[in-house]
Amino acid sequence: LEIESQPFGRLSIKAGYRDVGINFGNLSAVDAMRGMERYAGDVSYRFSDTLRLAGRYLHENDTLNDIRHEAGSIGIEKKRGKSSLLLEAYHETASDKYVAPTDPGSRYPLDIARDIPEESTALRLRLTHAVTGDLSVHLEHRQNLLSADDTVSQAGLEYRVDKNRKLYLRQEYGQYEGRNETRTALGIESRIFRDTVAFNEYRMSDGADGERNRQAIGLRNTFLLWPGATGNFSVEN
């Protein structure tokens, strides 16, 4: 369940709740792990067309493994010309633990426990710049102020081939507890109808077995149910 509201022009509020049963099983539903209860809220206030303040809160309960994850953040975004700069501070805690694939409570291959520290107070800086009308670049760095773990850097390119197609490349380097990891995503999106997008994406992680290197093909569609109400449909292989 999700609700969005604009009490007045400059203030936006969004809140959501999700509860996934312990017997749910769909490996393509990458954001819906079984046994997971989640609620979150976002608040955004726009001072002007170029300055915005935003806050977020997230709480997750893994009822299958009795694991808790909580995070809160506040950030300010400034736009100037073709560039946008975001500075965000956040705090995160987790009683998380990795659950092996052989365990009955395993969340494999969706388990991100090894990417979340027990406690993190961090700063995130993101710069987005439109190099030309068709090419944009973004750079991002997240620094944990409590330890060297949970430090992530990311760079990305997006190129609009024409009004219906765009290419994108994302490269990420992360330093986690006891390991470093790089991740790459390369893909193309094509708008084939007014509200339908097809995509073909390659996702790769270094130092991993073949199951971590994947190709994804799919469709995303938004459709009108009745005036004021829309629905979404997606399929991925």
Protein backbone atom coordinates (compact mmCIF):
# COMPACT_ATOMS: atom_id res chain seq x y z
CA LEU A 1 0.00 0.00 0.00
CA GLU A 2 1.36 3.42 -0.94
CA ILE A 3 -0.08 6.90 -0.54
CA GLU A 4 1.20 10.21 -1.94
CA SER A 5 0.03 13.69 -1.04
CA GLN A 6 0.82 17.35 -1.71
CA PRO A 7 -0.85 19.24 1.19
CA PHE A 8 0.31 22.42 -0.51
CA GLY A 9 2.39 23.22 -3.58
CA ARG A 10 5.91 23.02 -2.14
CA LEU A 11 5.46 20.05 0.22
CA SER A 12 5.27 16.42 -0.94
CA ILE A 13 4.68 13.41 1.32
CA LYS A 14 4.80 9.71 0.47
CA ALA A 15 4.28 6.73 2.78
CA GLY A 16 4.20 3.00 2.09
CA TYR A 17 3.66 -0.39 3.73
CA ARG A 18 4.44 -3.88 2.41
CA ASP A 19 4.03 -7.33 3.96
CA VAL A 20 5.35 -10.38 2.06
CA GLY A 21 4.31 -13.84 3.29
CA ILE A 22 6.91 -16.37 4.40
CA ASN A 23 5.90 -18.76 1.59
CA PHE A 24 6.12 -16.18 -1.20
CA GLY A 25 8.51 -17.22 -3.99
CA ASN A 26 9.42 -15.22 -7.10
CA LEU A 27 13.12 -14.81 -7.95
CA SER A 28 12.30 -11.96 -10.34
CA ALA A 29 10.65 -9.90 -7.60
CA VAL A 30 13.97 -8.42 -6.51
CA ASP A 31 12.41 -5.98 -4.04
CA ALA A 32 9.99 -8.43 -2.39
CA MET A 33 11.81 -10.96 -0.21
CA ARG A 34 9.63 -13.54 1.52
CA GLY A 35 8.84 -12.96 5.18
CA MET A 36 9.65 -9.24 4.91
CA GLU A 37 7.54 -6.52 6.50
CA ARG A 38 8.48 -2.99 5.49
CA TYR A 39 7.21 0.54 6.03
CA ALA A 40 8.75 3.79 4.84
CA GLY A 41 8.06 7.50 4.53
CA ASP A 42 9.43 10.34 2.38
CA VAL A 43 9.02 14.08 2.88
CA SER A 44 10.21 16.71 0.39
CA TYR A 45 10.01 20.49 0.55
CA ARG A 46 10.89 22.62 -2.46
CA PHE A 47 12.10 26.11 -1.56
CA SER A 48 12.39 27.04 -5.24
CA ASP A 49 12.82 25.44 -8.65
CA THR A 50 16.52 24.95 -7.87
CA LEU A 51 16.59 24.09 -4.13
CA ARG A 52 14.95 21.12 -2.41
CA LEU A 53 15.12 19.58 1.09
CA ALA A 54 14.20 15.90 1.54
CA GLY A 55 14.01 13.35 4.36
CA ARG A 56 13.37 9.60 4.43
CA TYR A 57 12.72 6.86 7.00
CA LEU A 58 12.75 3.09 6.43
CA HIS A 59 12.04 0.16 8.76
CA GLU A 60 12.23 -3.51 7.74
CA ASN A 61 11.45 -6.67 9.71
CA ASP A 62 12.56 -10.06 8.42
CA THR A 63 10.03 -12.22 10.25
CA LEU A 64 11.62 -15.38 8.86
CA ASN A 65 15.00 -14.79 10.54
CA ASP A 66 14.11 -12.23 13.26
CA ILE A 67 16.25 -9.50 11.64
CA ARG A 68 15.68 -5.73 11.88
CA HIS A 69 16.91 -2.96 9.57
CA GLU A 70 16.30 0.76 10.16
CA ALA A 71 17.53 3.84 8.28
CA GLY A 72 16.85 7.57 8.23
CA SER A 73 18.27 10.36 6.08
CA ILE A 74 18.03 14.07 5.36
CA GLY A 75 19.51 15.81 2.34
CA ILE A 76 19.54 19.00 0.33
CA GLU A 77 19.67 19.21 -3.46
CA LYS A 78 20.75 22.25 -5.45
CA LYS A 79 20.40 22.70 -9.22
CA ARG A 80 22.42 25.18 -11.22
CA GLY A 81 22.39 25.32 -14.99
CA LYS A 82 22.97 21.83 -16.35
CA SER A 83 24.20 20.44 -13.01
CA SER A 84 22.57 19.09 -9.87
CA LEU A 85 24.32 18.52 -6.52
CA LEU A 86 22.93 16.45 -3.64
CA LEU A 87 24.38 16.29 -0.11
CA GLU A 88 22.75 13.77 2.22
CA ALA A 89 23.41 12.58 5.78
CA TYR A 90 21.94 9.33 7.04
CA HIS A 91 22.07 6.87 9.92
CA GLU A 92 21.48 3.14 9.57
CA THR A 93 21.34 0.22 12.02
CA ALA A 94 20.80 -3.49 11.44
CA SER A 95 20.72 -6.71 13.43
CA ASP A 96 21.39 -8.28 10.06
CA LYS A 97 23.15 -11.54 9.39
CA TYR A 98 23.89 -13.53 6.28
CA VAL A 99 21.68 -16.59 5.88
CA ALA A 100 23.34 -19.34 3.81
CA PRO A 101 21.49 -20.68 0.73
CA THR A 102 21.22 -24.09 2.40
CA ASP A 103 19.30 -22.64 5.38
CA PRO A 104 15.46 -22.99 5.29
CA GLY A 105 15.23 -19.26 6.00
CA SER A 106 17.58 -18.26 3.19
CA ARG A 107 16.85 -15.10 1.20
CA TYR A 108 19.22 -16.15 -1.61
CA PRO A 109 19.80 -14.68 -4.18
CA LEU A 110 18.24 -11.49 -2.78
CA ASP A 111 20.17 -11.38 0.52
CA ILE A 112 21.93 -8.02 0.97
CA ALA A 113 22.91 -8.58 4.62
CA ARG A 114 26.63 -8.54 3.80
CA ASP A 115 26.23 -5.05 2.30
CA ILE A 116 24.67 -3.52 5.44
CA PRO A 117 26.81 -2.81 8.54
CA GLU A 118 25.48 -3.12 12.08
CA GLU A 119 25.68 0.67 12.38
CA SER A 120 26.54 3.37 9.89
CA THR A 121 26.53 7.16 10.05
CA ALA A 122 27.41 8.39 6.60
CA LEU A 123 27.49 11.24 4.13
CA ARG A 124 26.49 10.85 0.48
CA LEU A 125 27.46 13.26 -2.30
CA ARG A 126 25.98 13.00 -5.81
CA LEU A 127 26.71 15.16 -8.84
CA THR A 128 24.68 14.98 -12.04
CA HIS A 129 25.64 16.98 -15.12
CA ALA A 130 24.16 17.20 -18.62
CA VAL A 131 27.23 17.24 -20.88
CA THR A 132 25.07 17.77 -23.99
CA GLY A 133 21.37 17.58 -24.72
CA ASP A 134 21.69 13.79 -25.21
CA LEU A 135 24.52 12.82 -22.83
CA SER A 136 24.49 13.07 -19.04
CA VAL A 137 26.91 11.81 -16.39
CA HIS A 138 26.55 11.22 -12.67
CA LEU A 139 29.13 10.67 -9.92
CA GLU A 140 28.30 9.51 -6.41
CA HIS A 141 30.21 8.67 -3.23
CA ARG A 142 28.94 7.41 0.13
CA GLN A 143 31.35 7.54 3.09
CA ASN A 144 30.73 5.79 6.40
CA LEU A 145 32.03 8.08 9.16
CA LEU A 146 32.25 5.26 11.73
CA SER A 147 34.49 2.83 9.81
CA ALA A 148 35.97 2.04 6.41
CA ASP A 149 33.18 -0.45 5.71
CA ASP A 150 30.04 0.52 3.78
CA THR A 151 31.90 2.97 1.53
CA VAL A 152 30.56 3.02 -2.02
CA SER A 153 31.54 4.99 -5.13
CA GLN A 154 29.52 5.02 -8.35
CA ALA A 155 29.77 6.55 -11.81
CA GLY A 156 27.26 6.40 -14.62
CA LEU A 157 26.56 7.57 -18.16
CA GLU A 158 23.24 7.95 -19.95
CA TYR A 159 22.96 8.65 -23.67
CA ARG A 160 19.69 9.34 -25.45
CA VAL A 161 19.94 7.81 -28.93
CA ASP A 162 16.63 9.37 -30.01
CA LYS A 163 13.36 10.36 -28.36
CA ASN A 164 12.42 6.70 -27.78
CA ARG A 165 15.75 5.03 -26.92
CA LYS A 166 18.49 5.54 -24.37
CA LEU A 167 21.71 3.71 -23.46
CA TYR A 168 23.07 3.62 -19.91
CA LEU A 169 26.18 2.38 -18.11
CA ARG A 170 26.68 2.20 -14.33
CA GLN A 171 29.90 1.21 -12.55
CA GLU A 172 30.04 0.77 -8.78
CA TYR A 173 32.88 0.04 -6.36
CA GLY A 174 32.01 -0.94 -2.79
CA GLN A 175 34.09 -1.62 0.30
CA TYR A 176 32.23 -3.88 2.71
CA GLU A 177 33.20 -5.85 5.79
CA GLY A 178 36.05 -8.17 4.79
CA ARG A 179 35.71 -7.65 1.02
CA ASN A 180 35.68 -5.25 -1.92
CA GLU A 181 33.33 -5.61 -4.86
CA THR A 182 32.72 -3.97 -8.23
CA ARG A 183 29.40 -4.08 -10.05
CA THR A 184 28.58 -3.13 -13.63
CA ALA A 185 25.23 -2.61 -15.37
CA LEU A 186 24.97 -1.92 -19.10
CA GLY A 187 21.68 -1.66 -20.92
CA ILE A 188 19.28 -0.05 -23.34
CA GLU A 189 15.69 1.14 -22.87
CA SER A 190 13.27 1.58 -25.78
CA ARG A 191 9.85 3.21 -25.60
CA ILE A 192 7.81 0.99 -27.94
CA PHE A 193 4.40 2.50 -27.19
CA ARG A 194 3.25 5.61 -25.37
CA ASP A 195 3.47 4.05 -21.88
CA THR A 196 5.43 0.85 -22.60
CA VAL A 197 9.20 0.51 -22.20
CA ALA A 198 11.33 -2.48 -23.23
CA PHE A 199 14.77 -2.99 -21.69
CA ASN A 200 17.78 -5.27 -22.15
CA GLU A 201 20.40 -5.14 -19.39
CA TYR A 202 23.61 -6.94 -18.45
CA ARG A 203 24.55 -7.08 -14.76
CA MET A 204 28.01 -8.22 -13.67
CA SER A 205 29.82 -8.59 -10.33
CA ASP A 206 33.51 -9.34 -10.05
CA GLY A 207 34.88 -12.27 -8.12
CA ALA A 208 31.54 -14.05 -8.21
CA ASP A 209 30.32 -17.22 -9.82
CA GLY A 210 28.33 -17.22 -13.03
CA GLU A 211 25.03 -16.86 -11.19
CA ARG A 212 25.99 -13.26 -10.34
CA ASN A 213 26.52 -12.37 -14.00
CA ARG A 214 23.14 -11.99 -15.65
CA GLN A 215 21.26 -10.71 -18.65
CA ALA A 216 17.77 -9.30 -18.05
CA ILE A 217 15.15 -8.65 -20.74
CA GLY A 218 11.74 -7.24 -19.97
CA LEU A 219 8.84 -4.83 -20.41
CA ARG A 220 7.35 -2.13 -18.17
CA ASN A 221 3.91 -0.71 -18.82
CA THR A 222 1.73 1.97 -17.19
CA PHE A 223 -1.97 2.05 -18.05
CA LEU A 224 -5.03 4.08 -17.10
CA LEU A 225 -7.62 2.23 -15.01
CA TRP A 226 -10.07 5.13 -14.79
CA PRO A 227 -9.66 8.91 -14.46
CA GLY A 228 -7.26 9.57 -11.60
CA ALA A 229 -6.11 5.93 -11.26
CA THR A 230 -3.28 4.13 -13.05
CA GLY A 231 -1.89 0.61 -12.95
CA ASN A 232 1.55 -0.86 -13.64
CA PHE A 233 2.58 -4.13 -15.26
CA SER A 234 6.10 -5.51 -15.70
CA VAL A 235 7.68 -8.75 -16.86
CA GLU A 236 11.35 -9.73 -16.76
CA ASN A 237 13.31 -12.77 -17.82
